[in-house]
Amino acid sequence: MTIRLNGSTSGYAQLDSAAVGGNNTLVLPTTNGTANQALVTDGSGTLSFADRGRMTLATAQNSTSGTSIDFTGIPSWVKRVTVMFDGVSTNGTSPPQIQIGDSGGIETTGYICSNSVIVASVGTANFTTGFGIGVSTGQWGATRVVGGSIALTLLNLATNTWSASGSVGSSDITAMYVTAGAKSLSATLDRVRITTVNGTDTFDAGSINILYEG
């Protein structure tokens, strides 16, 4: 069977039924959905609008001043956030860290994180206030300049638990910082902050951006 809808001036749109022996019924949704949503089925013929998988690049922020860089307004459908660093430096010895948060604000405790720096020898450090990027035992300083990315991935929707993994490399010495960890939020993630462990050292070079996807 064919259903043909004639255009208002010319042409037409046509729907053809599949060549099957049985009957198929599709129940349309009662709303128009929102921008960038797509029709999905529940497997029984009922259609609804849902957010489709997509990637969004935020606006890069210069990391040339201030004690923190915030990215807010991250949509609730996001399942992965990649934090990217380009020539980032600070003016002190306190290592950078990534913190996440929800509508209640940035959360500064409860992180399970370990960071290792690979140089002539390997140094390690644990972090509980964020996802640390630089080991604090003499392996971070005002001359350090890094680039790379750390991916934050939703691990458990029910508990708003996020895992972190990734690495950044240094241009002033032969070193790479490797980060891994996890953190549960009190609600849906909607913001990310890049700061330092002591919260007072300032950024003095480079840029930072995030890419989020659902």
Protein backbone atom coordinates (compact mmCIF):
# COMPACT_ATOMS: atom_id res chain seq x y z
CA MET A 1 0.00 0.00 0.00
CA THR A 2 1.18 3.51 -0.82
CA ILE A 3 0.22 6.78 0.81
CA ARG A 4 1.09 9.86 -1.25
CA LEU A 5 1.04 13.39 0.14
CA ASN A 6 0.97 16.04 -2.55
CA GLY A 7 3.11 19.15 -2.10
CA SER A 8 1.49 22.56 -1.73
CA THR A 9 2.78 23.63 -5.18
CA SER A 10 4.31 20.59 -6.87
CA GLY A 11 5.84 17.21 -6.14
CA TYR A 12 4.84 14.77 -3.42
CA ALA A 13 6.05 12.73 -0.45
CA GLN A 14 5.28 9.03 -0.55
CA LEU A 15 5.13 6.30 2.10
CA ASP A 16 5.21 2.65 1.03
CA SER A 17 4.31 -0.20 3.37
CA ALA A 18 6.71 -3.11 3.73
CA ALA A 19 6.02 -6.37 1.90
CA VAL A 20 5.02 -8.41 4.95
CA GLY A 21 2.24 -10.88 5.59
CA GLY A 22 1.21 -9.50 9.00
CA ASN A 23 0.13 -6.12 10.29
CA ASN A 24 2.34 -3.35 11.63
CA THR A 25 1.04 -0.39 13.60
CA LEU A 26 3.12 2.69 14.42
CA VAL A 27 1.75 5.05 17.05
CA LEU A 28 2.95 8.61 16.55
CA PRO A 29 3.97 10.76 19.56
CA THR A 30 1.59 13.43 20.85
CA THR A 31 4.21 16.23 20.77
CA ASN A 32 6.64 17.68 18.25
CA GLY A 33 9.73 17.00 20.34
CA THR A 34 12.57 19.51 20.53
CA ALA A 35 15.36 20.58 18.19
CA ASN A 36 17.83 17.85 17.17
CA GLN A 37 15.71 15.01 18.57
CA ALA A 38 14.85 11.92 16.52
CA LEU A 39 11.99 9.41 16.42
CA VAL A 40 12.68 6.16 18.25
CA THR A 41 10.55 3.08 18.85
CA ASP A 42 9.98 1.07 22.01
CA GLY A 43 10.03 -2.13 19.94
CA SER A 44 6.24 -2.47 20.07
CA GLY A 45 5.35 0.24 17.58
CA THR A 46 5.05 3.23 19.91
CA LEU A 47 7.19 6.10 18.65
CA SER A 48 8.62 8.93 20.72
CA PHE A 49 11.19 11.69 20.37
CA ALA A 50 14.57 11.22 22.03
CA ASP A 51 17.92 12.97 22.06
CA ARG A 52 20.13 11.56 19.35
CA GLY A 53 23.81 10.87 19.79
CA ARG A 54 25.85 13.92 18.85
CA MET A 55 29.08 15.69 19.59
CA THR A 56 29.38 19.36 20.56
CA LEU A 57 32.58 21.37 20.73
CA ALA A 58 32.43 24.15 23.32
CA THR A 59 34.19 27.49 22.96
CA ALA A 60 37.88 27.31 23.85
CA GLN A 61 38.90 29.43 26.82
CA ASN A 62 42.29 31.06 27.20
CA SER A 63 44.12 29.70 30.24
CA THR A 64 46.29 32.81 30.56
CA SER A 65 44.92 34.15 33.85
CA GLY A 66 42.79 33.25 36.85
CA THR A 67 42.84 30.35 39.29
CA SER A 68 40.18 28.26 37.50
CA ILE A 69 38.49 27.76 34.13
CA ASP A 70 34.83 26.67 34.20
CA PHE A 71 32.63 25.10 31.54
CA THR A 72 28.94 25.20 32.53
CA GLY A 73 25.59 24.42 30.95
CA ILE A 74 26.56 20.89 29.87
CA PRO A 75 23.28 19.18 28.77
CA SER A 76 21.78 16.34 30.79
CA TRP A 77 22.03 13.88 27.88
CA VAL A 78 25.83 14.00 27.85
CA LYS A 79 27.61 10.71 28.53
CA ARG A 80 31.19 11.72 27.78
CA VAL A 81 33.21 14.91 28.20
CA THR A 82 36.74 15.27 26.83
CA VAL A 83 38.86 18.02 28.39
CA MET A 84 41.60 19.22 26.01
CA PHE A 85 44.75 21.18 26.84
CA ASP A 86 46.91 23.21 24.46
CA GLY A 87 50.12 24.76 25.81
CA VAL A 88 48.69 25.10 29.34
CA SER A 89 50.94 26.39 32.12
CA THR A 90 50.61 27.77 35.65
CA ASN A 91 52.75 30.13 37.71
CA GLY A 92 53.47 27.72 40.57
CA THR A 93 54.22 24.19 41.70
CA SER A 94 50.67 23.05 42.58
CA PRO A 95 49.54 20.53 39.92
CA PRO A 96 46.36 21.13 37.89
CA GLN A 97 43.26 19.06 38.43
CA ILE A 98 39.83 18.56 36.84
CA GLN A 99 36.74 18.83 39.03
CA ILE A 100 33.15 18.02 38.08
CA GLY A 101 29.82 19.16 39.46
CA ASP A 102 26.07 19.46 39.12
CA SER A 103 23.39 22.08 39.80
CA GLY A 104 24.59 22.19 43.41
CA GLY A 105 28.05 23.37 42.33
CA ILE A 106 31.51 21.93 41.81
CA GLU A 107 32.29 18.97 44.10
CA THR A 108 35.72 19.12 45.76
CA THR A 109 35.87 15.83 47.70
CA GLY A 110 35.36 12.11 47.13
CA TYR A 111 37.55 11.68 44.07
CA ILE A 112 39.44 8.43 43.59
CA CYS A 113 42.39 9.32 41.37
CA SER A 114 45.98 8.38 40.71
CA ASN A 115 48.41 10.20 38.45
CA SER A 116 51.79 9.04 37.22
CA VAL A 117 54.51 11.03 35.49
CA ILE A 118 56.73 9.12 33.11
CA VAL A 119 60.21 10.65 32.90
CA ALA A 120 63.65 9.11 33.53
CA SER A 121 61.95 7.52 36.55
CA VAL A 122 58.27 7.14 37.36
CA GLY A 123 56.61 9.29 40.03
CA THR A 124 53.06 8.80 41.32
CA ALA A 125 50.54 10.68 43.45
CA ASN A 126 46.99 10.16 44.67
CA PHE A 127 44.28 12.85 44.48
CA THR A 128 40.99 13.14 46.41
CA THR A 129 39.96 16.69 45.47
CA GLY A 130 39.88 16.20 41.70
CA PHE A 131 41.31 14.29 38.77
CA GLY A 132 44.96 15.31 39.10
CA ILE A 133 47.07 16.04 36.05
CA GLY A 134 50.54 16.60 37.49
CA VAL A 135 52.40 14.74 40.20
CA SER A 136 53.25 17.09 43.06
CA THR A 137 56.58 15.52 44.05
CA GLY A 138 58.84 17.94 42.21
CA GLN A 139 57.36 17.05 38.80
CA TRP A 140 55.27 20.17 38.32
CA GLY A 141 56.50 23.75 38.22
CA ALA A 142 56.03 27.20 36.74
CA THR A 143 57.96 26.22 33.60
CA ARG A 144 55.74 23.21 32.82
CA VAL A 145 53.77 23.49 29.56
CA VAL A 146 51.38 20.64 28.66
CA GLY A 147 49.01 19.50 25.97
CA GLY A 148 46.71 16.49 25.62
CA SER A 149 43.28 15.32 26.73
CA ILE A 150 41.45 13.67 29.64
CA ALA A 151 38.16 11.86 28.93
CA LEU A 152 35.35 11.81 31.50
CA THR A 153 32.88 8.99 30.84
CA LEU A 154 29.56 8.26 32.58
CA LEU A 155 30.00 4.91 34.32
CA ASN A 156 26.70 4.54 36.20
CA LEU A 157 23.61 6.62 35.41
CA ALA A 158 21.84 5.69 38.64
CA THR A 159 24.67 6.99 40.84
CA ASN A 160 25.96 9.72 38.48
CA THR A 161 29.38 8.07 38.63
CA TRP A 162 32.02 9.28 36.16
CA SER A 163 35.37 7.74 35.32
CA ALA A 164 38.41 9.66 34.10
CA SER A 165 41.32 8.55 31.96
CA GLY A 166 43.84 10.19 29.66
CA SER A 167 47.22 11.83 29.46
CA VAL A 168 49.00 15.09 28.74
CA GLY A 169 52.56 15.57 27.54
CA SER A 170 55.05 18.28 28.42
CA SER A 171 56.96 20.43 25.93
CA ASP A 172 59.61 21.79 28.32
CA ILE A 173 60.81 18.38 29.54
CA THR A 174 60.41 14.84 28.22
CA ALA A 175 57.49 13.80 30.40
CA MET A 176 53.96 12.46 30.14
CA TYR A 177 51.30 12.62 32.88
CA VAL A 178 48.82 9.71 32.95
CA THR A 179 45.56 10.10 34.90
CA ALA A 180 42.85 7.61 35.95
CA GLY A 181 40.05 7.82 38.50
CA ALA A 182 36.34 7.94 39.33
CA LYS A 183 33.85 10.18 41.12
CA SER A 184 30.11 9.98 41.97
CA LEU A 185 28.05 13.18 41.90
CA SER A 186 24.94 14.03 43.89
CA ALA A 187 23.02 14.81 40.68
CA THR A 188 23.42 14.99 36.88
CA LEU A 189 26.71 16.48 35.72
CA ASP A 190 26.38 19.94 34.19
CA ARG A 191 29.79 21.58 34.75
CA VAL A 192 33.53 20.98 34.67
CA ARG A 193 36.28 23.04 36.30
CA ILE A 194 40.01 23.06 35.67
CA THR A 195 42.00 24.46 38.59
CA THR A 196 45.05 23.65 40.73
CA VAL A 197 45.20 21.57 43.89
CA ASN A 198 45.94 24.56 46.12
CA GLY A 199 43.35 26.70 44.30
CA THR A 200 45.58 29.79 44.36
CA ASP A 201 48.19 29.24 41.62
CA THR A 202 47.11 30.98 38.41
CA PHE A 203 47.11 29.88 34.79
CA ASP A 204 49.50 31.86 32.61
CA ALA A 205 49.56 30.27 29.14
CA GLY A 206 47.60 28.20 26.63
CA SER A 207 43.94 27.35 26.11
CA ILE A 208 41.48 24.71 27.31
CA ASN A 209 38.32 23.38 25.68
CA ILE A 210 35.83 20.53 26.11
CA LEU A 211 34.06 18.25 23.66
CA TYR A 212 30.89 16.59 24.94
CA GLU A 213 28.80 13.83 23.41
CA GLY A 214 25.73 11.75 24.18
